[in-house]
mmCIF file of all heavy atoms, coordinates in Angstrom:
data_MODEL
# 
_entry.id   MODEL 
# 
loop_
_atom_site.group_PDB 
_atom_site.id 
_atom_site.type_symbol 
_atom_site.label_atom_id 
_atom_site.label_alt_id 
_atom_site.label_comp_id 
_atom_site.label_asym_id 
_atom_site.label_entity_id 
_atom_site.label_seq_id 
_atom_site.pdbx_PDB_ins_code 
_atom_site.Cartn_x 
_atom_site.Cartn_y 
_atom_site.Cartn_z 
_atom_site.occupancy 
_atom_site.B_iso_or_equiv 
_atom_site.pdbx_formal_charge 
_atom_site.auth_seq_id 
_atom_site.auth_comp_id 
_atom_site.auth_asym_id 
_atom_site.auth_atom_id 
_atom_site.pdbx_PDB_model_num 
ATOM 1   N N   . PHE A 1 1  ? -11.140 -4.718  -3.382  1.00 0.00 ? 1  PHE A N   1 
ATOM 2   C CA  . PHE A 1 1  ? -10.668 -5.784  -4.254  1.00 0.00 ? 1  PHE A CA  1 
ATOM 3   C C   . PHE A 1 1  ? -11.180 -5.540  -5.657  1.00 0.00 ? 1  PHE A C   1 
ATOM 4   O O   . PHE A 1 1  ? -12.377 -5.319  -5.854  1.00 0.00 ? 1  PHE A O   1 
ATOM 5   C CB  . PHE A 1 1  ? -11.203 -7.109  -3.685  1.00 0.00 ? 1  PHE A CB  1 
ATOM 6   C CG  . PHE A 1 1  ? -10.688 -8.336  -4.338  1.00 0.00 ? 1  PHE A CG  1 
ATOM 7   C CD1 . PHE A 1 1  ? -9.372  -8.730  -4.177  1.00 0.00 ? 1  PHE A CD1 1 
ATOM 8   C CD2 . PHE A 1 1  ? -11.528 -9.129  -5.101  1.00 0.00 ? 1  PHE A CD2 1 
ATOM 9   C CE1 . PHE A 1 1  ? -8.898  -9.887  -4.769  1.00 0.00 ? 1  PHE A CE1 1 
ATOM 10  C CE2 . PHE A 1 1  ? -11.078 -10.287 -5.690  1.00 0.00 ? 1  PHE A CE2 1 
ATOM 11  C CZ  . PHE A 1 1  ? -9.747  -10.668 -5.523  1.00 0.00 ? 1  PHE A CZ  1 
ATOM 12  N N   . LEU A 1 2  ? -10.274 -5.516  -6.645  1.00 0.00 ? 2  LEU A N   1 
ATOM 13  C CA  . LEU A 1 2  ? -10.652 -5.246  -8.038  1.00 0.00 ? 2  LEU A CA  1 
ATOM 14  C C   . LEU A 1 2  ? -10.230 -6.405  -8.926  1.00 0.00 ? 2  LEU A C   1 
ATOM 15  O O   . LEU A 1 2  ? -9.052  -6.773  -8.969  1.00 0.00 ? 2  LEU A O   1 
ATOM 16  C CB  . LEU A 1 2  ? -9.979  -3.958  -8.518  1.00 0.00 ? 2  LEU A CB  1 
ATOM 17  C CG  . LEU A 1 2  ? -10.290 -3.500  -9.943  1.00 0.00 ? 2  LEU A CG  1 
ATOM 18  C CD1 . LEU A 1 2  ? -11.769 -3.106  -10.066 1.00 0.00 ? 2  LEU A CD1 1 
ATOM 19  C CD2 . LEU A 1 2  ? -9.402  -2.338  -10.340 1.00 0.00 ? 2  LEU A CD2 1 
ATOM 20  N N   . CYS A 1 3  ? -11.195 -6.996  -9.626  1.00 0.00 ? 3  CYS A N   1 
ATOM 21  C CA  . CYS A 1 3  ? -10.920 -8.063  -10.589 1.00 0.00 ? 3  CYS A CA  1 
ATOM 22  C C   . CYS A 1 3  ? -11.071 -7.491  -11.998 1.00 0.00 ? 3  CYS A C   1 
ATOM 23  O O   . CYS A 1 3  ? -12.068 -6.821  -12.287 1.00 0.00 ? 3  CYS A O   1 
ATOM 24  C CB  . CYS A 1 3  ? -11.913 -9.220  -10.437 1.00 0.00 ? 3  CYS A CB  1 
ATOM 25  S SG  . CYS A 1 3  ? -11.756 -10.145 -8.897  1.00 0.00 ? 3  CYS A SG  1 
ATOM 26  N N   . THR A 1 4  ? -10.089 -7.763  -12.862 1.00 0.00 ? 4  THR A N   1 
ATOM 27  C CA  . THR A 1 4  ? -10.145 -7.290  -14.245 1.00 0.00 ? 4  THR A CA  1 
ATOM 28  C C   . THR A 1 4  ? -9.838  -8.441  -15.190 1.00 0.00 ? 4  THR A C   1 
ATOM 29  O O   . THR A 1 4  ? -8.732  -8.983  -15.167 1.00 0.00 ? 4  THR A O   1 
ATOM 30  C CB  . THR A 1 4  ? -9.127  -6.162  -14.484 1.00 0.00 ? 4  THR A CB  1 
ATOM 31  O OG1 . THR A 1 4  ? -9.355  -5.099  -13.558 1.00 0.00 ? 4  THR A OG1 1 
ATOM 32  C CG2 . THR A 1 4  ? -9.244  -5.625  -15.900 1.00 0.00 ? 4  THR A CG2 1 
ATOM 33  N N   . PRO A 1 5  ? -10.808 -8.849  -16.020 1.00 0.00 ? 5  PRO A N   1 
ATOM 34  C CA  . PRO A 1 5  ? -10.558 -9.942  -16.957 1.00 0.00 ? 5  PRO A CA  1 
ATOM 35  C C   . PRO A 1 5  ? -9.631  -9.492  -18.085 1.00 0.00 ? 5  PRO A C   1 
ATOM 36  O O   . PRO A 1 5  ? -9.712  -8.362  -18.561 1.00 0.00 ? 5  PRO A O   1 
ATOM 37  C CB  . PRO A 1 5  ? -11.953 -10.291 -17.481 1.00 0.00 ? 5  PRO A CB  1 
ATOM 38  C CG  . PRO A 1 5  ? -12.744 -9.035  -17.302 1.00 0.00 ? 5  PRO A CG  1 
ATOM 39  C CD  . PRO A 1 5  ? -12.186 -8.349  -16.094 1.00 0.00 ? 5  PRO A CD  1 
ATOM 40  N N   . LEU A 1 6  ? -8.741  -10.385 -18.517 1.00 0.00 ? 6  LEU A N   1 
ATOM 41  C CA  . LEU A 1 6  ? -7.823  -10.113 -19.622 1.00 0.00 ? 6  LEU A CA  1 
ATOM 42  C C   . LEU A 1 6  ? -8.219  -11.028 -20.778 1.00 0.00 ? 6  LEU A C   1 
ATOM 43  O O   . LEU A 1 6  ? -8.052  -12.250 -20.695 1.00 0.00 ? 6  LEU A O   1 
ATOM 44  C CB  . LEU A 1 6  ? -6.373  -10.384 -19.191 1.00 0.00 ? 6  LEU A CB  1 
ATOM 45  C CG  . LEU A 1 6  ? -5.899  -9.673  -17.912 1.00 0.00 ? 6  LEU A CG  1 
ATOM 46  C CD1 . LEU A 1 6  ? -4.458  -10.053 -17.594 1.00 0.00 ? 6  LEU A CD1 1 
ATOM 47  C CD2 . LEU A 1 6  ? -6.042  -8.166  -18.047 1.00 0.00 ? 6  LEU A CD2 1 
ATOM 48  N N   . SER A 1 7  ? -8.749  -10.444 -21.829 1.00 0.00 ? 7  SER A N   1 
ATOM 49  C CA  . SER A 1 7  ? -9.229  -11.233 -22.962 1.00 0.00 ? 7  SER A CA  1 
ATOM 50  C C   . SER A 1 7  ? -8.541  -10.792 -24.244 1.00 0.00 ? 7  SER A C   1 
ATOM 51  O O   . SER A 1 7  ? -8.213  -9.614  -24.421 1.00 0.00 ? 7  SER A O   1 
ATOM 52  C CB  . SER A 1 7  ? -10.747 -11.079 -23.129 1.00 0.00 ? 7  SER A CB  1 
ATOM 53  O OG  . SER A 1 7  ? -11.431 -11.516 -21.963 1.00 0.00 ? 7  SER A OG  1 
ATOM 54  N N   . VAL A 1 8  ? -8.298  -11.745 -25.139 1.00 0.00 ? 8  VAL A N   1 
ATOM 55  C CA  . VAL A 1 8  ? -7.697  -11.483 -26.439 1.00 0.00 ? 8  VAL A CA  1 
ATOM 56  C C   . VAL A 1 8  ? -8.601  -12.081 -27.510 1.00 0.00 ? 8  VAL A C   1 
ATOM 57  O O   . VAL A 1 8  ? -8.870  -13.286 -27.500 1.00 0.00 ? 8  VAL A O   1 
ATOM 58  C CB  . VAL A 1 8  ? -6.282  -12.101 -26.528 1.00 0.00 ? 8  VAL A CB  1 
ATOM 59  C CG1 . VAL A 1 8  ? -5.705  -11.880 -27.925 1.00 0.00 ? 8  VAL A CG1 1 
ATOM 60  C CG2 . VAL A 1 8  ? -5.368  -11.499 -25.481 1.00 0.00 ? 8  VAL A CG2 1 
ATOM 61  N N   . GLU A 1 9  ? -9.120  -11.200 -28.394 1.00 0.00 ? 9  GLU A N   1 
ATOM 62  C CA  . GLU A 1 9  ? -10.028 -11.618 -29.465 1.00 0.00 ? 9  GLU A CA  1 
ATOM 63  C C   . GLU A 1 9  ? -11.202 -12.423 -28.924 1.00 0.00 ? 9  GLU A C   1 
ATOM 64  O O   . GLU A 1 9  ? -11.581 -13.463 -29.474 1.00 0.00 ? 9  GLU A O   1 
ATOM 65  C CB  . GLU A 1 9  ? -9.262  -12.427 -30.527 1.00 0.00 ? 9  GLU A CB  1 
ATOM 66  C CG  . GLU A 1 9  ? -8.186  -11.610 -31.233 1.00 0.00 ? 9  GLU A CG  1 
ATOM 67  C CD  . GLU A 1 9  ? -7.464  -12.404 -32.302 1.00 0.00 ? 9  GLU A CD  1 
ATOM 68  O OE1 . GLU A 1 9  ? -7.700  -13.635 -32.388 1.00 0.00 ? 9  GLU A OE1 1 
ATOM 69  O OE2 . GLU A 1 9  ? -6.673  -11.799 -33.044 1.00 0.00 ? 9  GLU A OE2 1 
ATOM 70  N N   . GLY A 1 10 ? -11.748 -11.945 -27.808 1.00 0.00 ? 10 GLY A N   1 
ATOM 71  C CA  . GLY A 1 10 ? -12.927 -12.578 -27.226 1.00 0.00 ? 10 GLY A CA  1 
ATOM 72  C C   . GLY A 1 10 ? -12.653 -13.809 -26.397 1.00 0.00 ? 10 GLY A C   1 
ATOM 73  O O   . GLY A 1 10 ? -13.582 -14.379 -25.819 1.00 0.00 ? 10 GLY A O   1 
ATOM 74  N N   . GLN A 1 11 ? -11.399 -14.218 -26.313 1.00 0.00 ? 11 GLN A N   1 
ATOM 75  C CA  . GLN A 1 11 ? -11.061 -15.414 -25.532 1.00 0.00 ? 11 GLN A CA  1 
ATOM 76  C C   . GLN A 1 11 ? -10.402 -15.007 -24.222 1.00 0.00 ? 11 GLN A C   1 
ATOM 77  O O   . GLN A 1 11 ? -9.463  -14.212 -24.211 1.00 0.00 ? 11 GLN A O   1 
ATOM 78  C CB  . GLN A 1 11 ? -10.112 -16.316 -26.317 1.00 0.00 ? 11 GLN A CB  1 
ATOM 79  C CG  . GLN A 1 11 ? -9.755  -17.604 -25.577 1.00 0.00 ? 11 GLN A CG  1 
ATOM 80  C CD  . GLN A 1 11 ? -8.880  -18.519 -26.418 1.00 0.00 ? 11 GLN A CD  1 
ATOM 81  O OE1 . GLN A 1 11 ? -8.607  -18.220 -27.576 1.00 0.00 ? 11 GLN A OE1 1 
ATOM 82  N NE2 . GLN A 1 11 ? -8.445  -19.620 -25.831 1.00 0.00 ? 11 GLN A NE2 1 
ATOM 83  N N   . LEU A 1 12 ? -10.897 -15.544 -23.107 1.00 0.00 ? 12 LEU A N   1 
ATOM 84  C CA  . LEU A 1 12 ? -10.362 -15.214 -21.791 1.00 0.00 ? 12 LEU A CA  1 
ATOM 85  C C   . LEU A 1 12 ? -8.963  -15.780 -21.638 1.00 0.00 ? 12 LEU A C   1 
ATOM 86  O O   . LEU A 1 12 ? -8.742  -16.976 -21.776 1.00 0.00 ? 12 LEU A O   1 
ATOM 87  C CB  . LEU A 1 12 ? -11.276 -15.766 -20.691 1.00 0.00 ? 12 LEU A CB  1 
ATOM 88  C CG  . LEU A 1 12 ? -10.823 -15.476 -19.247 1.00 0.00 ? 12 LEU A CG  1 
ATOM 89  C CD1 . LEU A 1 12 ? -10.913 -13.978 -18.954 1.00 0.00 ? 12 LEU A CD1 1 
ATOM 90  C CD2 . LEU A 1 12 ? -11.672 -16.261 -18.259 1.00 0.00 ? 12 LEU A CD2 1 
ATOM 91  N N   . LEU A 1 13 ? -8.018  -14.873 -21.349 1.00 0.00 ? 13 LEU A N   1 
ATOM 92  C CA  . LEU A 1 13 ? -6.634  -15.289 -21.151 1.00 0.00 ? 13 LEU A CA  1 
ATOM 93  C C   . LEU A 1 13 ? -6.306  -15.408 -19.662 1.00 0.00 ? 13 LEU A C   1 
ATOM 94  O O   . LEU A 1 13 ? -5.612  -16.319 -19.232 1.00 0.00 ? 13 LEU A O   1 
ATOM 95  C CB  . LEU A 1 13 ? -5.695  -14.270 -21.798 1.00 0.00 ? 13 LEU A CB  1 
ATOM 96  C CG  . LEU A 1 13 ? -4.199  -14.554 -21.730 1.00 0.00 ? 13 LEU A CG  1 
ATOM 97  C CD1 . LEU A 1 13 ? -3.864  -15.779 -22.564 1.00 0.00 ? 13 LEU A CD1 1 
ATOM 98  C CD2 . LEU A 1 13 ? -3.409  -13.347 -22.226 1.00 0.00 ? 13 LEU A CD2 1 
ATOM 99  N N   . GLY A 1 14 ? -6.814  -14.455 -18.885 1.00 0.00 ? 14 GLY A N   1 
ATOM 100 C CA  . GLY A 1 14 ? -6.513  -14.480 -17.457 1.00 0.00 ? 14 GLY A CA  1 
ATOM 101 C C   . GLY A 1 14 ? -7.335  -13.455 -16.708 1.00 0.00 ? 14 GLY A C   1 
ATOM 102 O O   . GLY A 1 14 ? -8.248  -12.824 -17.257 1.00 0.00 ? 14 GLY A O   1 
ATOM 103 N N   . LEU A 1 15 ? -7.003  -13.292 -15.438 1.00 0.00 ? 15 LEU A N   1 
ATOM 104 C CA  . LEU A 1 15 ? -7.723  -12.374 -14.567 1.00 0.00 ? 15 LEU A CA  1 
ATOM 105 C C   . LEU A 1 15 ? -6.717  -11.670 -13.661 1.00 0.00 ? 15 LEU A C   1 
ATOM 106 O O   . LEU A 1 15 ? -5.915  -12.320 -12.985 1.00 0.00 ? 15 LEU A O   1 
ATOM 107 C CB  . LEU A 1 15 ? -8.743  -13.148 -13.725 1.00 0.00 ? 15 LEU A CB  1 
ATOM 108 C CG  . LEU A 1 15 ? -9.790  -12.340 -12.962 1.00 0.00 ? 15 LEU A CG  1 
ATOM 109 C CD1 . LEU A 1 15 ? -10.726 -11.620 -13.924 1.00 0.00 ? 15 LEU A CD1 1 
ATOM 110 C CD2 . LEU A 1 15 ? -10.602 -13.262 -12.050 1.00 0.00 ? 15 LEU A CD2 1 
ATOM 111 N N   . LEU A 1 16 ? -6.729  -10.347 -13.695 1.00 0.00 ? 16 LEU A N   1 
ATOM 112 C CA  . LEU A 1 16 ? -5.824  -9.560  -12.858 1.00 0.00 ? 16 LEU A CA  1 
ATOM 113 C C   . LEU A 1 16 ? -6.542  -9.174  -11.579 1.00 0.00 ? 16 LEU A C   1 
ATOM 114 O O   . LEU A 1 16 ? -7.653  -8.652  -11.611 1.00 0.00 ? 16 LEU A O   1 
ATOM 115 C CB  . LEU A 1 16 ? -5.373  -8.301  -13.610 1.00 0.00 ? 16 LEU A CB  1 
ATOM 116 C CG  . LEU A 1 16 ? -4.436  -7.349  -12.869 1.00 0.00 ? 16 LEU A CG  1 
ATOM 117 C CD1 . LEU A 1 16 ? -3.113  -8.031  -12.542 1.00 0.00 ? 16 LEU A CD1 1 
ATOM 118 C CD2 . LEU A 1 16 ? -4.186  -6.093  -13.710 1.00 0.00 ? 16 LEU A CD2 1 
ATOM 119 N N   . HIS A 1 17 ? -5.919  -9.433  -10.435 1.00 0.00 ? 17 HIS A N   1 
ATOM 120 C CA  . HIS A 1 17 ? -6.489  -9.110  -9.129  1.00 0.00 ? 17 HIS A CA  1 
ATOM 121 C C   . HIS A 1 17 ? -5.678  -7.990  -8.483  1.00 0.00 ? 17 HIS A C   1 
ATOM 122 O O   . HIS A 1 17 ? -4.442  -8.045  -8.453  1.00 0.00 ? 17 HIS A O   1 
ATOM 123 C CB  . HIS A 1 17 ? -6.437  -10.318 -8.181  1.00 0.00 ? 17 HIS A CB  1 
ATOM 124 C CG  . HIS A 1 17 ? -7.032  -11.565 -8.753  1.00 0.00 ? 17 HIS A CG  1 
ATOM 125 N ND1 . HIS A 1 17 ? -8.387  -11.762 -8.857  1.00 0.00 ? 17 HIS A ND1 1 
ATOM 126 C CD2 . HIS A 1 17 ? -6.446  -12.685 -9.254  1.00 0.00 ? 17 HIS A CD2 1 
ATOM 127 C CE1 . HIS A 1 17 ? -8.618  -12.953 -9.385  1.00 0.00 ? 17 HIS A CE1 1 
ATOM 128 N NE2 . HIS A 1 17 ? -7.446  -13.530 -9.640  1.00 0.00 ? 17 HIS A NE2 1 
ATOM 129 N N   . LEU A 1 18 ? -6.346  -6.977  -7.961  1.00 0.00 ? 18 LEU A N   1 
ATOM 130 C CA  . LEU A 1 18 ? -5.692  -5.913  -7.208  1.00 0.00 ? 18 LEU A CA  1 
ATOM 131 C C   . LEU A 1 18 ? -6.486  -5.681  -5.930  1.00 0.00 ? 18 LEU A C   1 
ATOM 132 O O   . LEU A 1 18 ? -7.715  -5.644  -5.963  1.00 0.00 ? 18 LEU A O   1 
ATOM 133 C CB  . LEU A 1 18 ? -5.633  -4.607  -8.010  1.00 0.00 ? 18 LEU A CB  1 
ATOM 134 C CG  . LEU A 1 18 ? -4.783  -4.603  -9.283  1.00 0.00 ? 18 LEU A CG  1 
ATOM 135 C CD1 . LEU A 1 18 ? -4.946  -3.274  -10.011 1.00 0.00 ? 18 LEU A CD1 1 
ATOM 136 C CD2 . LEU A 1 18 ? -3.324  -4.867  -8.960  1.00 0.00 ? 18 LEU A CD2 1 
ATOM 137 N N   . GLY A 1 19 ? -5.796  -5.518  -4.822  1.00 0.00 ? 19 GLY A N   1 
ATOM 138 C CA  . GLY A 1 19 ? -6.495  -5.281  -3.564  1.00 0.00 ? 19 GLY A CA  1 
ATOM 139 C C   . GLY A 1 19 ? -5.614  -4.572  -2.569  1.00 0.00 ? 19 GLY A C   1 
ATOM 140 O O   . GLY A 1 19 ? -4.389  -4.659  -2.641  1.00 0.00 ? 19 GLY A O   1 
ATOM 141 N N   . ASP A 1 20 ? -6.220  -3.816  -1.639  1.00 0.00 ? 20 ASP A N   1 
ATOM 142 C CA  . ASP A 1 20 ? -5.410  -3.156  -0.620  1.00 0.00 ? 20 ASP A CA  1 
ATOM 143 C C   . ASP A 1 20 ? -5.058  -4.113  0.507   1.00 0.00 ? 20 ASP A C   1 
ATOM 144 O O   . ASP A 1 20 ? -4.156  -3.863  1.287   1.00 0.00 ? 20 ASP A O   1 
ATOM 145 C CB  . ASP A 1 20 ? -6.098  -1.903  -0.081  1.00 0.00 ? 20 ASP A CB  1 
ATOM 146 C CG  . ASP A 1 20 ? -7.436  -2.187  0.601   1.00 0.00 ? 20 ASP A CG  1 
ATOM 147 O OD1 . ASP A 1 20 ? -7.704  -3.354  0.927   1.00 0.00 ? 20 ASP A OD1 1 
ATOM 148 O OD2 . ASP A 1 20 ? -8.199  -1.237  0.813   1.00 0.00 ? 20 ASP A OD2 1 
ATOM 149 N N   . GLY A 1 21 ? -5.783  -5.207  0.608   1.00 0.00 ? 21 GLY A N   1 
ATOM 150 C CA  . GLY A 1 21 ? -5.429  -6.259  1.556   1.00 0.00 ? 21 GLY A CA  1 
ATOM 151 C C   . GLY A 1 21 ? -5.700  -5.941  3.003   1.00 0.00 ? 21 GLY A C   1 
ATOM 152 O O   . GLY A 1 21 ? -5.673  -6.798  3.859   1.00 0.00 ? 21 GLY A O   1 
ATOM 153 N N   . ALA A 1 22 ? -5.978  -4.665  3.305   1.00 0.00 ? 22 ALA A N   1 
ATOM 154 C CA  . ALA A 1 22 ? -6.156  -4.302  4.711   1.00 0.00 ? 22 ALA A CA  1 
ATOM 155 C C   . ALA A 1 22 ? -7.419  -3.510  4.948   1.00 0.00 ? 22 ALA A C   1 
ATOM 156 O O   . ALA A 1 22 ? -7.773  -3.206  6.068   1.00 0.00 ? 22 ALA A O   1 
ATOM 157 C CB  . ALA A 1 22 ? -4.948  -3.496  5.194   1.00 0.00 ? 22 ALA A CB  1 
ATOM 158 N N   . GLY A 1 23 ? -8.113  -3.128  3.863   1.00 0.00 ? 23 GLY A N   1 
ATOM 159 C CA  . GLY A 1 23 ? -9.338  -2.356  4.016   1.00 0.00 ? 23 GLY A CA  1 
ATOM 160 C C   . GLY A 1 23 ? -9.092  -0.914  4.398   1.00 0.00 ? 23 GLY A C   1 
ATOM 161 O O   . GLY A 1 23 ? -9.953  -0.266  4.959   1.00 0.00 ? 23 GLY A O   1 
ATOM 162 N N   . THR A 1 24 ? -7.899  -0.392  4.092   1.00 0.00 ? 24 THR A N   1 
ATOM 163 C CA  . THR A 1 24 ? -7.588  0.990   4.439   1.00 0.00 ? 24 THR A CA  1 
ATOM 164 C C   . THR A 1 24 ? -7.371  1.792   3.181   1.00 0.00 ? 24 THR A C   1 
ATOM 165 O O   . THR A 1 24 ? -6.812  1.320   2.202   1.00 0.00 ? 24 THR A O   1 
ATOM 166 C CB  . THR A 1 24 ? -6.315  1.073   5.296   1.00 0.00 ? 24 THR A CB  1 
ATOM 167 O OG1 . THR A 1 24 ? -5.236  0.454   4.567   1.00 0.00 ? 24 THR A OG1 1 
ATOM 168 C CG2 . THR A 1 24 ? -6.508  0.361   6.609   1.00 0.00 ? 24 THR A CG2 1 
ATOM 169 N N   . GLY A 1 25 ? -7.819  3.055   3.196   1.00 0.00 ? 25 GLY A N   1 
ATOM 170 C CA  . GLY A 1 25 ? -7.586  3.945   2.069   1.00 0.00 ? 25 GLY A CA  1 
ATOM 171 C C   . GLY A 1 25 ? -8.543  3.666   0.925   1.00 0.00 ? 25 GLY A C   1 
ATOM 172 O O   . GLY A 1 25 ? -9.277  2.698   0.905   1.00 0.00 ? 25 GLY A O   1 
ATOM 173 N N   . ASP A 1 26 ? -8.536  4.556   -0.067  1.00 0.00 ? 26 ASP A N   1 
ATOM 174 C CA  . ASP A 1 26 ? -9.405  4.429   -1.220  1.00 0.00 ? 26 ASP A CA  1 
ATOM 175 C C   . ASP A 1 26 ? -8.599  4.315   -2.507  1.00 0.00 ? 26 ASP A C   1 
ATOM 176 O O   . ASP A 1 26 ? -9.007  4.775   -3.557  1.00 0.00 ? 26 ASP A O   1 
ATOM 177 C CB  . ASP A 1 26 ? -10.342 5.651   -1.312  1.00 0.00 ? 26 ASP A CB  1 
ATOM 178 C CG  . ASP A 1 26 ? -11.313 5.710   -0.148  1.00 0.00 ? 26 ASP A CG  1 
ATOM 179 O OD1 . ASP A 1 26 ? -11.794 4.642   0.256   1.00 0.00 ? 26 ASP A OD1 1 
ATOM 180 O OD2 . ASP A 1 26 ? -11.593 6.801   0.343   1.00 0.00 ? 26 ASP A OD2 1 
ATOM 181 N N   . ALA A 1 27 ? -7.415  3.690   -2.429  1.00 0.00 ? 27 ALA A N   1 
ATOM 182 C CA  . ALA A 1 27 ? -6.526  3.650   -3.580  1.00 0.00 ? 27 ALA A CA  1 
ATOM 183 C C   . ALA A 1 27 ? -7.205  3.024   -4.799  1.00 0.00 ? 27 ALA A C   1 
ATOM 184 O O   . ALA A 1 27 ? -7.031  3.481   -5.916  1.00 0.00 ? 27 ALA A O   1 
ATOM 185 C CB  . ALA A 1 27 ? -5.255  2.879   -3.230  1.00 0.00 ? 27 ALA A CB  1 
# 
């Protein structure tokens, strides 16, 4: 599971989540 904050000029806009969902592979 990878969380990446999205900020513009120091202000938090959002958070992008990426995950394999199954615990398989090293993508």
